[in-house]
Amino acid sequence: QVQLVESGGGLVQAGDSLRLSCAASGRTIYIMGWFRHVPGKEREFVASITSTGFRTDYADSVEGRFTISRDNAKNTLFLQMNRLKPDDTAVYYCAAGRRFTTRQSEYDYWGQGTQVTVSS
């Protein structure tokens, strides 16, 4: 019903910026979110945005550095990441759901992820 494909990851140095994109097929009326995963750790919430972009939510660890946005006309979700830190290194996933929540279990659709590596 909904397919999501992330892109924009790469290898950068601490303090650099990177913008991730998530191209969606199907309807774009869902709550959208970004999550990240490091091997050996739990997948964690990064940011979310309502269907119109009116409300956003961020994890404390990225507040003030990351910005989530969406362009529904282009069926695309973005995550602008500034002042990157080595701790931001992870595989980043976009997700779609029908509830404005930080809980990954309540998102229905997931992309395959894009790797972000931040060197010190």
N, C-alpha and C. Protein backbone atom coordinates (compact mmCIF):
# COMPACT_ATOMS: atom_id res chain seq x y z
N GLN A 1 0.83 -1.20 0.00
CA GLN A 1 0.00 0.00 0.00
C GLN A 1 0.87 1.25 0.00
N VAL A 2 1.91 1.27 0.82
CA VAL A 2 2.83 2.38 0.90
C VAL A 2 4.25 1.84 0.87
N GLN A 3 5.07 2.36 -0.02
CA GLN A 3 6.47 2.00 -0.10
C GLN A 3 7.33 3.23 0.17
N LEU A 4 8.39 3.05 0.95
CA LEU A 4 9.26 4.13 1.35
C LEU A 4 10.69 3.79 1.00
N VAL A 5 11.42 4.74 0.42
CA VAL A 5 12.82 4.53 0.04
C VAL A 5 13.65 5.71 0.51
N GLU A 6 14.59 5.45 1.41
CA GLU A 6 15.46 6.50 1.94
C GLU A 6 16.67 6.69 1.04
N SER A 7 17.23 7.89 1.09
CA SER A 7 18.46 8.20 0.37
C SER A 7 19.14 9.39 1.04
N GLY A 8 20.39 9.64 0.68
CA GLY A 8 21.10 10.81 1.18
C GLY A 8 22.12 10.53 2.26
N GLY A 9 22.22 9.29 2.71
CA GLY A 9 23.21 8.96 3.72
C GLY A 9 24.61 8.99 3.15
N GLY A 10 25.59 8.93 4.05
CA GLY A 10 26.97 8.95 3.61
C GLY A 10 27.92 9.10 4.76
N LEU A 11 29.19 9.30 4.43
CA LEU A 11 30.25 9.47 5.42
C LEU A 11 30.62 10.95 5.50
N VAL A 12 30.51 11.52 6.69
CA VAL A 12 30.83 12.93 6.91
C VAL A 12 31.66 13.07 8.18
N GLN A 13 32.20 14.26 8.38
CA GLN A 13 32.96 14.55 9.58
C GLN A 13 32.09 15.25 10.60
N ALA A 14 32.46 15.14 11.86
CA ALA A 14 31.74 15.81 12.93
C ALA A 14 31.63 17.30 12.62
N GLY A 15 30.43 17.84 12.84
CA GLY A 15 30.17 19.24 12.57
C GLY A 15 29.58 19.50 11.20
N ASP A 16 29.63 18.51 10.32
CA ASP A 16 29.07 18.66 8.98
C ASP A 16 27.55 18.52 8.98
N SER A 17 26.96 18.78 7.83
CA SER A 17 25.52 18.65 7.64
C SER A 17 25.20 17.62 6.57
N LEU A 18 24.01 17.07 6.65
CA LEU A 18 23.56 16.08 5.70
C LEU A 18 22.04 16.14 5.64
N ARG A 19 21.47 15.93 4.46
CA ARG A 19 20.02 15.90 4.32
C ARG A 19 19.58 14.55 3.80
N LEU A 20 18.71 13.90 4.54
CA LEU A 20 18.14 12.63 4.13
C LEU A 20 16.79 12.85 3.47
N SER A 21 16.48 12.00 2.51
CA SER A 21 15.19 12.06 1.83
C SER A 21 14.52 10.71 1.91
N CYS A 22 13.21 10.72 1.87
CA CYS A 22 12.42 9.50 1.86
C CYS A 22 11.33 9.66 0.82
N ALA A 23 11.45 8.93 -0.27
CA ALA A 23 10.46 8.98 -1.34
C ALA A 23 9.37 7.97 -1.05
N ALA A 24 8.13 8.41 -1.13
CA ALA A 24 6.99 7.56 -0.81
C ALA A 24 6.10 7.35 -2.02
N SER A 25 5.58 6.15 -2.13
CA SER A 25 4.56 5.85 -3.12
C SER A 25 3.25 5.63 -2.39
N GLY A 26 2.16 5.95 -3.04
CA GLY A 26 0.87 5.84 -2.38
C GLY A 26 0.49 7.15 -1.70
N ARG A 27 -0.47 7.07 -0.83
CA ARG A 27 -0.94 8.26 -0.13
C ARG A 27 0.10 8.83 0.80
N THR A 28 0.08 10.15 0.97
CA THR A 28 1.01 10.84 1.86
C THR A 28 0.25 11.59 2.94
N ILE A 29 -0.83 11.00 3.42
CA ILE A 29 -1.63 11.63 4.46
C ILE A 29 -1.28 11.11 5.84
N TYR A 30 -0.26 10.29 5.92
CA TYR A 30 0.12 9.67 7.17
C TYR A 30 1.02 10.55 8.02
N ILE A 31 1.03 10.23 9.31
CA ILE A 31 2.09 10.71 10.18
C ILE A 31 3.39 10.09 9.65
N MET A 32 4.45 10.88 9.58
CA MET A 32 5.73 10.37 9.11
C MET A 32 6.77 10.57 10.20
N GLY A 33 7.72 9.65 10.25
CA GLY A 33 8.75 9.74 11.26
C GLY A 33 10.08 9.22 10.78
N TRP A 34 11.13 9.63 11.48
CA TRP A 34 12.47 9.11 11.27
C TRP A 34 12.92 8.38 12.53
N PHE A 35 13.49 7.21 12.36
CA PHE A 35 14.07 6.43 13.44
C PHE A 35 15.49 6.06 13.03
N ARG A 36 16.30 5.68 14.00
CA ARG A 36 17.66 5.25 13.68
C ARG A 36 18.04 4.05 14.52
N HIS A 37 18.97 3.26 13.98
CA HIS A 37 19.37 2.03 14.63
C HIS A 37 20.87 1.83 14.56
N VAL A 38 21.45 1.48 15.70
CA VAL A 38 22.86 1.12 15.81
C VAL A 38 22.92 -0.35 16.19
N PRO A 39 23.77 -1.15 15.55
CA PRO A 39 23.87 -2.57 15.91
C PRO A 39 24.10 -2.77 17.40
N GLY A 40 23.33 -3.68 17.99
CA GLY A 40 23.45 -3.96 19.41
C GLY A 40 22.62 -3.07 20.30
N LYS A 41 21.94 -2.08 19.72
CA LYS A 41 21.11 -1.18 20.50
C LYS A 41 19.68 -1.18 19.95
N GLU A 42 18.78 -0.65 20.75
CA GLU A 42 17.39 -0.55 20.33
C GLU A 42 17.22 0.54 19.28
N ARG A 43 16.30 0.31 18.35
CA ARG A 43 15.95 1.35 17.40
C ARG A 43 15.31 2.51 18.16
N GLU A 44 15.72 3.73 17.85
CA GLU A 44 15.24 4.87 18.61
C GLU A 44 14.57 5.92 17.72
N PHE A 45 13.63 6.61 18.33
CA PHE A 45 12.91 7.68 17.68
C PHE A 45 13.82 8.88 17.45
N VAL A 46 13.67 9.52 16.29
CA VAL A 46 14.43 10.72 15.98
C VAL A 46 13.52 11.93 15.84
N ALA A 47 12.51 11.83 14.97
CA ALA A 47 11.62 12.95 14.72
C ALA A 47 10.34 12.46 14.05
N SER A 48 9.28 13.24 14.16
CA SER A 48 8.02 12.91 13.50
C SER A 48 7.32 14.18 13.06
N ILE A 49 6.37 14.02 12.15
CA ILE A 49 5.65 15.16 11.60
C ILE A 49 4.25 14.73 11.20
N THR A 50 3.27 15.61 11.42
CA THR A 50 1.90 15.29 11.06
C THR A 50 1.70 15.37 9.56
N SER A 51 0.53 14.95 9.10
CA SER A 51 0.28 14.84 7.67
C SER A 51 0.42 16.17 6.92
N THR A 52 0.09 17.27 7.58
CA THR A 52 0.20 18.59 6.95
C THR A 52 1.48 19.31 7.32
N GLY A 53 2.25 18.75 8.23
CA GLY A 53 3.46 19.40 8.68
C GLY A 53 3.23 20.44 9.76
N PHE A 54 2.02 20.51 10.29
CA PHE A 54 1.68 21.52 11.28
C PHE A 54 2.39 21.28 12.61
N ARG A 55 2.54 20.03 12.99
CA ARG A 55 3.19 19.68 14.25
C ARG A 55 4.40 18.79 13.99
N THR A 56 5.44 19.01 14.78
CA THR A 56 6.64 18.18 14.71
C THR A 56 7.08 17.80 16.11
N ASP A 57 7.87 16.74 16.20
CA ASP A 57 8.37 16.27 17.47
C ASP A 57 9.79 15.76 17.26
N TYR A 58 10.66 15.97 18.25
CA TYR A 58 12.06 15.57 18.14
C TYR A 58 12.54 14.89 19.40
N ALA A 59 13.46 13.97 19.22
CA ALA A 59 14.15 13.40 20.36
C ALA A 59 15.05 14.47 20.98
N ASP A 60 15.23 14.42 22.29
CA ASP A 60 16.06 15.41 22.96
C ASP A 60 17.48 15.46 22.39
N SER A 61 17.98 14.33 21.96
CA SER A 61 19.35 14.23 21.47
C SER A 61 19.58 14.97 20.16
N VAL A 62 18.51 15.27 19.41
CA VAL A 62 18.66 15.94 18.12
C VAL A 62 17.97 17.30 18.08
N GLU A 63 17.23 17.64 19.11
CA GLU A 63 16.52 18.92 19.16
C GLU A 63 17.50 20.07 18.94
N GLY A 64 17.14 20.96 18.02
CA GLY A 64 17.98 22.11 17.72
C GLY A 64 19.00 21.86 16.64
N ARG A 65 19.23 20.60 16.29
CA ARG A 65 20.20 20.27 15.25
C ARG A 65 19.53 19.68 14.01
N PHE A 66 18.47 18.90 14.20
CA PHE A 66 17.78 18.24 13.10
C PHE A 66 16.45 18.94 12.83
N THR A 67 16.02 18.91 11.58
CA THR A 67 14.73 19.45 11.19
C THR A 67 14.02 18.47 10.27
N ILE A 68 12.81 18.07 10.64
CA ILE A 68 12.01 17.20 9.80
C ILE A 68 11.03 18.05 9.00
N SER A 69 10.82 17.70 7.75
CA SER A 69 9.88 18.41 6.90
C SER A 69 9.33 17.46 5.85
N ARG A 70 8.29 17.88 5.17
CA ARG A 70 7.70 17.04 4.13
C ARG A 70 7.16 17.90 3.01
N ASP A 71 7.17 17.34 1.81
CA ASP A 71 6.60 17.97 0.63
C ASP A 71 5.59 16.97 0.07
N ASN A 72 4.35 17.14 0.45
CA ASN A 72 3.32 16.17 0.05
C ASN A 72 3.07 16.16 -1.45
N ALA A 73 3.27 17.29 -2.11
CA ALA A 73 3.09 17.35 -3.56
C ALA A 73 4.10 16.46 -4.27
N LYS A 74 5.27 16.28 -3.67
CA LYS A 74 6.31 15.43 -4.25
C LYS A 74 6.44 14.10 -3.54
N ASN A 75 5.55 13.83 -2.60
CA ASN A 75 5.57 12.58 -1.84
C ASN A 75 6.94 12.30 -1.23
N THR A 76 7.50 13.32 -0.59
CA THR A 76 8.85 13.20 -0.07
C THR A 76 8.95 13.73 1.36
N LEU A 77 9.65 13.00 2.19
CA LEU A 77 9.95 13.38 3.56
C LEU A 77 11.44 13.70 3.65
N PHE A 78 11.80 14.70 4.47
CA PHE A 78 13.19 15.10 4.61
C PHE A 78 13.62 15.12 6.07
N LEU A 79 14.91 14.95 6.27
CA LEU A 79 15.51 15.15 7.58
C LEU A 79 16.81 15.91 7.36
N GLN A 80 16.81 17.19 7.72
CA GLN A 80 18.01 18.01 7.64
C GLN A 80 18.78 17.84 8.94
N MET A 81 20.02 17.40 8.84
CA MET A 81 20.84 17.12 10.01
C MET A 81 22.04 18.06 9.99
N ASN A 82 22.14 18.90 11.02
CA ASN A 82 23.23 19.86 11.13
C ASN A 82 24.07 19.55 12.36
N ARG A 83 25.30 20.04 12.34
CA ARG A 83 26.24 19.85 13.46
C ARG A 83 26.26 18.40 13.91
N LEU A 84 26.49 17.53 12.95
CA LEU A 84 26.47 16.10 13.22
C LEU A 84 27.57 15.69 14.19
N LYS A 85 27.25 14.69 15.00
CA LYS A 85 28.16 14.15 15.99
C LYS A 85 28.42 12.67 15.71
N PRO A 86 29.53 12.13 16.18
CA PRO A 86 29.76 10.69 16.01
C PRO A 86 28.61 9.83 16.55
N ASP A 87 27.95 10.30 17.61
CA ASP A 87 26.83 9.56 18.19
C ASP A 87 25.62 9.49 17.26
N ASP A 88 25.61 10.31 16.21
CA ASP A 88 24.53 10.27 15.23
C ASP A 88 24.70 9.13 14.23
N THR A 89 25.85 8.48 14.24
CA THR A 89 26.11 7.38 13.33
C THR A 89 25.09 6.27 13.54
N ALA A 90 24.39 5.89 12.47
CA ALA A 90 23.34 4.88 12.56
C ALA A 90 22.76 4.66 11.17
N VAL A 91 21.92 3.64 11.06
CA VAL A 91 21.08 3.48 9.89
C VAL A 91 19.79 4.22 10.17
N TYR A 92 19.41 5.12 9.28
CA TYR A 92 18.23 5.94 9.46
C TYR A 92 17.09 5.40 8.61
N TYR A 93 15.93 5.25 9.24
CA TYR A 93 14.74 4.73 8.59
C TYR A 93 13.62 5.75 8.62
N CYS A 94 12.88 5.85 7.53
CA CYS A 94 11.65 6.63 7.56
C CYS A 94 10.49 5.67 7.73
N ALA A 95 9.41 6.16 8.31
CA ALA A 95 8.26 5.33 8.61
C ALA A 95 6.97 6.13 8.47
N ALA A 96 5.88 5.43 8.22
CA ALA A 96 4.57 6.05 8.09
C ALA A 96 3.58 5.35 9.00
N GLY A 97 2.74 6.12 9.64
CA GLY A 97 1.73 5.57 10.52
C GLY A 97 0.52 6.47 10.60
N ARG A 98 -0.41 6.10 11.44
CA ARG A 98 -1.64 6.85 11.56
C ARG A 98 -1.84 7.47 12.93
N ARG A 99 -0.79 7.44 13.74
CA ARG A 99 -0.82 8.09 15.04
C ARG A 99 0.43 8.93 15.23
N PHE A 100 0.26 10.08 15.84
CA PHE A 100 1.38 10.97 16.13
C PHE A 100 2.03 10.48 17.42
N THR A 101 3.08 9.67 17.27
CA THR A 101 3.67 9.00 18.41
C THR A 101 5.16 8.76 18.17
N THR A 102 5.88 8.54 19.26
CA THR A 102 7.30 8.20 19.19
C THR A 102 7.51 6.68 19.19
N ARG A 103 6.46 5.92 19.38
CA ARG A 103 6.57 4.47 19.48
C ARG A 103 6.67 3.84 18.09
N GLN A 104 7.79 3.15 17.84
CA GLN A 104 8.01 2.56 16.53
C GLN A 104 6.99 1.47 16.20
N SER A 105 6.45 0.83 17.24
CA SER A 105 5.49 -0.24 17.01
C SER A 105 4.18 0.25 16.43
N GLU A 106 3.93 1.53 16.48
CA GLU A 106 2.68 2.09 15.98
C GLU A 106 2.81 2.69 14.58
N TYR A 107 3.95 2.49 13.96
CA TYR A 107 4.12 2.88 12.56
C TYR A 107 3.93 1.65 11.68
N ASP A 108 3.21 1.79 10.59
CA ASP A 108 2.79 0.66 9.77
C ASP A 108 3.73 0.34 8.62
N TYR A 109 4.44 1.32 8.10
CA TYR A 109 5.28 1.13 6.93
C TYR A 109 6.68 1.66 7.19
N TRP A 110 7.67 0.94 6.64
CA TRP A 110 9.07 1.27 6.88
C TRP A 110 9.88 1.17 5.60
N GLY A 111 10.88 2.05 5.48
CA GLY A 111 11.83 1.95 4.40
C GLY A 111 12.94 0.99 4.76
N GLN A 112 13.91 0.83 3.85
CA GLN A 112 15.03 -0.10 4.07
C GLN A 112 16.20 0.53 4.81
N GLY A 113 16.20 1.84 4.93
CA GLY A 113 17.24 2.51 5.68
C GLY A 113 18.37 3.05 4.84
N THR A 114 19.04 4.08 5.35
CA THR A 114 20.21 4.64 4.71
C THR A 114 21.27 4.91 5.78
N GLN A 115 22.51 4.53 5.49
CA GLN A 115 23.58 4.61 6.47
C GLN A 115 24.14 6.02 6.58
N VAL A 116 24.26 6.50 7.81
CA VAL A 116 24.92 7.77 8.10
C VAL A 116 26.08 7.48 9.03
N THR A 117 27.28 7.86 8.62
CA THR A 117 28.48 7.65 9.42
C THR A 117 29.17 8.99 9.65
N VAL A 118 29.39 9.32 10.92
CA VAL A 118 30.01 10.58 11.28
C VAL A 118 31.33 10.29 11.97
N SER A 119 32.42 10.71 11.38
CA SER A 119 33.74 10.48 11.94
C SER A 119 34.12 11.62 12.87
N SER A 120 34.95 11.32 13.86
CA SER A 120 35.38 12.31 14.83
C SER A 120 36.66 13.00 14.38
